[in-house]
Protein backbone atom coordinates (compact mmCIF):
# COMPACT_ATOMS: atom_id res chain seq x y z
CA UNK A 1 256.17 106.35 59.25
CA UNK A 2 253.02 104.30 58.64
CA UNK A 3 252.96 100.72 59.94
CA UNK A 4 252.85 97.73 57.59
CA UNK A 5 249.90 95.50 56.73
CA UNK A 6 249.64 92.14 54.98
CA UNK A 7 248.37 93.68 51.72
CA UNK A 8 250.65 92.65 48.88
CA UNK A 9 252.39 89.98 50.95
CA UNK A 10 254.03 87.26 48.84
CA UNK A 11 256.66 84.52 48.88
CA UNK A 12 258.96 84.15 45.90
CA UNK A 13 258.07 81.29 43.59
CA UNK A 14 254.84 80.39 45.41
CA UNK A 15 251.31 81.22 44.32
CA UNK A 16 248.22 81.71 46.44
CA UNK A 17 249.89 82.75 49.70
CA UNK A 18 247.56 83.09 52.68
CA UNK A 19 250.20 84.14 55.18
CA UNK A 20 253.88 83.82 56.02
CA UNK A 21 255.81 84.20 59.25
CA UNK A 22 259.38 84.15 60.58
CA UNK A 23 261.01 83.79 63.99
CA UNK A 24 264.59 84.69 64.92
CA UNK A 25 266.54 83.59 67.97
CA UNK A 26 269.96 83.55 69.59
CA UNK A 27 270.94 80.69 71.90
CA UNK A 28 272.06 83.18 74.55
CA UNK A 29 274.31 81.54 77.15
CA UNK A 30 273.70 82.20 80.84
CA UNK A 31 276.44 81.97 83.48
CA UNK A 32 277.09 82.64 87.14
CA UNK A 33 280.57 83.13 88.55
CA UNK A 34 282.47 84.98 91.22
CA UNK A 35 282.10 88.22 89.33
CA UNK A 36 278.30 88.21 88.82
CA UNK A 37 277.50 89.26 92.42
CA UNK A 38 275.00 86.46 92.95
CA UNK A 39 273.21 87.36 89.72
CA UNK A 40 273.23 85.94 86.21
CA UNK A 41 275.40 87.07 83.35
CA UNK A 42 274.79 86.31 79.71
CA UNK A 43 276.93 86.01 76.60
CA UNK A 44 275.98 85.91 72.95
CA UNK A 45 274.89 82.57 71.45
CA UNK A 46 274.55 80.85 68.07
CA UNK A 47 271.93 82.47 65.85
CA UNK A 48 269.01 80.67 64.22
CA UNK A 49 265.78 81.43 62.42
CA UNK A 50 262.72 79.58 61.15
CA UNK A 51 259.48 80.29 59.36
CA UNK A 52 256.39 78.99 57.65
CA UNK A 53 253.90 79.92 55.00
CA UNK A 54 250.35 78.88 54.17
CA UNK A 55 249.29 78.63 50.55
CA UNK A 56 246.20 77.42 48.76
CA UNK A 57 246.45 74.33 46.56
CA UNK A 58 247.13 70.61 46.95
CA UNK A 59 250.89 70.44 46.28
CA UNK A 60 253.59 72.49 48.06
CA UNK A 61 256.21 74.13 45.86
CA UNK A 62 258.95 72.92 48.24
CA UNK A 63 259.08 69.59 50.06
CA UNK A 64 260.78 68.33 53.23
CA UNK A 65 264.56 68.10 53.05
CA UNK A 66 264.73 70.44 50.06
CA UNK A 67 266.64 73.72 50.01
CA UNK A 68 264.53 76.87 50.03
CA UNK A 69 265.75 80.30 48.94
CA UNK A 70 263.13 82.17 50.93
CA UNK A 71 262.05 85.71 50.14
CA UNK A 72 259.02 86.92 52.03
CA UNK A 73 257.73 90.29 50.92
CA UNK A 74 255.41 92.71 52.70
CA UNK A 75 253.59 95.24 50.52
CA UNK A 76 256.00 94.33 47.72
CA UNK A 77 259.03 96.23 49.01
CA UNK A 78 260.23 95.05 52.42
CA UNK A 79 260.40 91.77 54.30
CA UNK A 80 262.98 89.05 54.90
CA UNK A 81 265.20 86.74 52.87
CA UNK A 82 267.49 83.80 53.60
CA UNK A 83 268.55 80.30 52.68
CA UNK A 84 266.54 77.62 54.49
CA UNK A 85 265.67 73.93 54.43
CA UNK A 86 262.12 72.57 54.53
CA UNK A 87 261.29 70.67 57.73
CA UNK A 88 257.74 69.61 56.92
CA UNK A 89 254.55 70.19 54.99
CA UNK A 90 250.93 69.82 56.11
CA UNK A 91 248.14 69.37 53.55
CA UNK A 92 244.47 69.46 54.48
CA UNK A 93 241.21 68.54 52.76
CA UNK A 94 238.02 69.51 54.65
CA UNK A 95 235.28 67.64 52.80
CA UNK A 96 232.65 68.15 55.51
CA UNK A 97 233.15 71.91 55.50
CA UNK A 98 233.48 72.15 51.72
CA UNK A 99 236.84 73.81 52.28
CA UNK A 100 239.47 75.05 49.85
CA UNK A 101 242.53 72.80 49.58
CA UNK A 102 245.49 74.34 51.38
CA UNK A 103 248.91 73.50 52.73
CA UNK A 104 251.52 74.82 55.13
CA UNK A 105 255.31 74.67 54.63
CA UNK A 106 257.57 74.83 57.70
CA UNK A 107 261.27 75.59 57.30
CA UNK A 108 264.42 76.37 59.29
CA UNK A 109 267.39 78.56 58.49
CA UNK A 110 270.43 77.17 56.70
CA UNK A 111 272.24 80.49 56.54
CA UNK A 112 271.81 84.09 57.63
CA UNK A 113 268.45 85.87 57.51
CA UNK A 114 268.38 89.38 56.08
CA UNK A 115 265.55 91.66 57.20
CA UNK A 116 264.85 94.76 55.14
CA UNK A 117 264.37 95.23 51.42
CA UNK A 118 262.68 92.15 49.91
CA UNK A 119 260.71 91.95 46.70
CA UNK A 120 258.49 89.00 45.82
CA UNK A 121 255.33 88.75 43.74
CA UNK A 122 252.68 86.08 43.48
CA UNK A 123 253.99 83.32 41.22
CA UNK A 124 250.66 82.41 39.62
CA UNK A 125 247.02 83.39 39.55
CA UNK A 126 245.18 80.09 40.06
CA UNK A 127 241.84 79.06 41.49
CA UNK A 128 242.68 76.44 44.14
CA UNK A 129 240.76 73.18 44.26
CA UNK A 130 237.70 72.55 46.39
CA UNK A 131 237.38 69.70 48.87
CA UNK A 132 233.92 69.00 47.47
CA UNK A 133 234.11 65.75 45.49
CA UNK A 134 237.32 64.57 47.17
CA UNK A 135 237.62 61.19 48.91
CA UNK A 136 240.13 58.63 50.24
CA UNK A 137 240.86 55.01 49.39
CA UNK A 138 242.77 52.01 50.71
CA UNK A 139 244.75 49.68 48.47
CA UNK A 140 245.79 46.07 48.88
CA UNK A 141 249.47 45.31 49.50
CA UNK A 142 250.32 44.09 46.02
CA UNK A 143 252.48 45.02 43.05
CA UNK A 144 249.31 46.47 41.49
CA UNK A 145 247.10 47.39 44.45
CA UNK A 146 243.34 47.03 44.20
CA UNK A 147 241.85 50.29 45.44
CA UNK A 148 238.61 50.57 47.42
CA UNK A 149 236.99 53.90 48.29
CA UNK A 150 236.45 54.51 52.00
CA UNK A 151 232.81 55.35 52.64
CA UNK A 152 231.52 58.52 54.33
CA UNK A 153 234.86 60.37 54.51
CA UNK A 154 234.58 63.87 56.00
CA UNK A 155 238.18 64.93 55.50
CA UNK A 156 241.84 63.98 55.52
CA UNK A 157 245.19 65.45 56.57
CA UNK A 158 248.71 64.61 55.41
CA UNK A 159 251.96 65.64 57.12
CA UNK A 160 255.34 64.85 55.57
CA UNK A 161 258.52 65.65 57.51
CA UNK A 162 262.29 65.44 57.24
CA UNK A 163 264.42 64.87 60.35
CA UNK A 164 266.92 67.52 59.26
CA UNK A 165 270.16 67.56 61.23
CA UNK A 166 271.44 70.82 62.75
CA UNK A 167 275.12 71.53 63.18
CA UNK A 168 277.45 74.31 64.31
CA UNK A 169 281.21 74.40 63.88
CA UNK A 170 284.09 76.81 63.36
CA UNK A 171 283.06 77.33 59.74
CA UNK A 172 279.42 78.31 60.34
CA UNK A 173 280.13 81.78 61.70
CA UNK A 174 277.92 81.43 64.76
CA UNK A 175 274.94 80.27 62.67
CA UNK A 176 273.03 77.01 63.07
CA UNK A 177 273.09 75.18 59.71
CA UNK A 178 271.31 72.01 58.62
CA UNK A 179 271.57 68.92 56.40
CA UNK A 180 268.61 66.89 55.05
CA UNK A 181 267.34 64.01 57.21
CA UNK A 182 265.14 60.94 56.89
CA UNK A 183 261.63 61.31 55.47
CA UNK A 184 258.53 60.35 57.47
CA UNK A 185 254.80 60.92 57.11
CA UNK A 186 251.64 60.77 59.19
CA UNK A 187 248.12 61.04 57.85
CA UNK A 188 244.57 60.79 59.08
CA UNK A 189 241.21 60.05 57.52
CA UNK A 190 238.03 61.17 59.28
CA UNK A 191 234.77 59.31 58.67
CA UNK A 192 231.16 59.21 59.80
CA UNK A 193 230.01 55.79 60.95
CA UNK A 194 227.08 53.49 60.22
CA UNK A 195 228.83 50.88 62.41
CA UNK A 196 232.13 50.76 64.25
CA UNK A 197 232.93 47.68 62.20
CA UNK A 198 233.55 49.88 59.14
CA UNK A 199 236.78 51.14 60.72
CA UNK A 200 239.77 49.33 59.25
CA UNK A 201 241.59 47.49 62.04
CA UNK A 202 244.64 48.97 63.76
CA UNK A 203 247.99 47.45 62.66
CA UNK A 204 246.62 47.08 59.13
CA UNK A 205 249.17 47.92 56.42
CA UNK A 206 247.67 49.27 53.21
CA UNK A 207 248.17 51.63 50.33
CA UNK A 208 246.53 55.01 50.84
CA UNK A 209 245.17 57.48 48.33
CA UNK A 210 244.12 60.94 49.49
CA UNK A 211 242.17 62.54 46.67
CA UNK A 212 242.47 66.23 45.79
CA UNK A 213 239.80 65.94 43.07
CA UNK A 214 237.66 63.12 41.71
CA UNK A 215 240.76 61.60 40.07
CA UNK A 216 243.99 63.23 41.33
CA UNK A 217 245.51 62.11 44.62
CA UNK A 218 248.46 61.84 46.95
CA UNK A 219 249.48 58.18 47.10
CA UNK A 220 251.36 56.61 50.01
CA UNK A 221 252.81 53.12 49.76
CA UNK A 222 252.56 52.01 52.49
CA UNK A 223 250.68 53.19 55.58
CA UNK A 224 249.95 51.44 58.88
CA UNK A 225 246.90 52.27 61.02
CA UNK A 226 248.11 53.27 64.50
CA UNK A 227 244.84 54.09 66.25
CA UNK A 228 241.22 55.17 66.00
CA UNK A 229 240.48 58.47 67.74
CA UNK A 230 237.64 60.91 68.42
CA UNK A 231 234.94 58.23 68.76
CA UNK A 232 232.28 59.96 70.87
CA UNK A 233 228.65 58.95 71.33
CA UNK A 234 226.86 62.19 72.21
CA UNK A 235 223.48 61.20 73.66
CA UNK A 236 222.58 64.77 74.59
CA UNK A 237 222.89 66.27 71.10
CA UNK A 238 222.40 63.04 69.12
CA UNK A 239 225.33 64.11 66.97
CA UNK A 240 226.48 61.98 64.04
CA UNK A 241 228.96 59.36 65.25
CA UNK A 242 232.39 59.89 63.73
CA UNK A 243 235.96 58.68 64.07
CA UNK A 244 239.45 59.33 62.76
CA UNK A 245 241.84 56.66 61.50
CA UNK A 246 245.41 57.79 62.24
CA UNK A 247 248.20 56.33 60.14
CA UNK A 248 251.95 56.58 59.63
CA UNK A 249 254.35 55.72 56.84
CA UNK A 250 255.33 52.05 56.69
CA UNK A 251 258.01 52.38 54.05
CA UNK A 252 258.51 48.64 53.53
CA UNK A 253 255.91 45.95 52.89
CA UNK A 254 255.97 42.30 51.87
CA UNK A 255 254.69 42.28 48.31
CA UNK A 256 254.27 38.82 46.82
CA UNK A 257 256.80 37.35 49.23
CA UNK A 258 259.40 40.08 48.70
CA UNK A 259 260.09 42.93 51.11
CA UNK A 260 259.61 46.01 48.93
CA UNK A 261 260.22 49.71 49.47
CA UNK A 262 257.17 51.94 49.03
CA UNK A 263 256.76 55.50 47.77
CA UNK A 264 255.08 58.87 48.24
CA UNK A 265 253.62 60.30 45.03
CA UNK A 266 252.03 63.73 44.54
CA UNK A 267 248.84 64.48 42.55
CA UNK A 268 250.91 65.21 39.42
CA UNK A 269 252.30 61.64 39.65
CA UNK A 270 255.70 62.96 40.73
CA UNK A 271 257.52 60.59 43.10
CA UNK A 272 258.77 62.57 46.10
CA UNK A 273 260.11 59.60 48.04
CA UNK A 274 262.25 57.61 47.54
CA UNK A 275 264.52 60.15 45.89
CA UNK A 276 265.38 59.19 42.33
């Protein structure tokens, strides 16, 4: 029998797949007792599985905390299928490299995985967006933020996660199952520098827009700058001086004297968090 290749690989309901992967595991239990002769015995353990896929485009089809009926197909006929929950998504925009917008979805099992016959086809035939012409902006903490473009941005990354809670009991049949958890996000903006003073100060709370075109964007209300990283002055090569501003979700901010919950909005203006 001929071995498989990635040709024709697809994930149900998702267009532009670059790759997908799965991992399976059993929490095998080790023991030593008077009958193991000074060695180690092992007994079966709870079963679990996880996976991920990379796709091209600026908006994942499934978001953290959401259920995922995963079907991953290889050559259109075989693969794997199972019910899962999304743990996190990573979205990347490489302006400096003129990259193609892409994202990765990470998920964990919430039921049994079946390996064998699996049929999935590409959901759409779309040309994904280019990072050329994208940018990032900060917004004032206000009911209607005033947005200012950040100068000399070379790229940005956005990671959104859910702290999903695993559980096993007498009703799970030896499987590890999960319930949705709290939402969090981290994001970074890389820039080239004319002066270190252009870096927005750490501990600053601001609105953040990460553009996926000249007009469309992910919007996070609110983010807080945790640190500045990757500042290197390379005398030998005289390389361009650059830095990365690393931020995290600050879900509450004082807006006009009132503590106000923020939001995460996708480029289609759909509010992902807080759930409506």
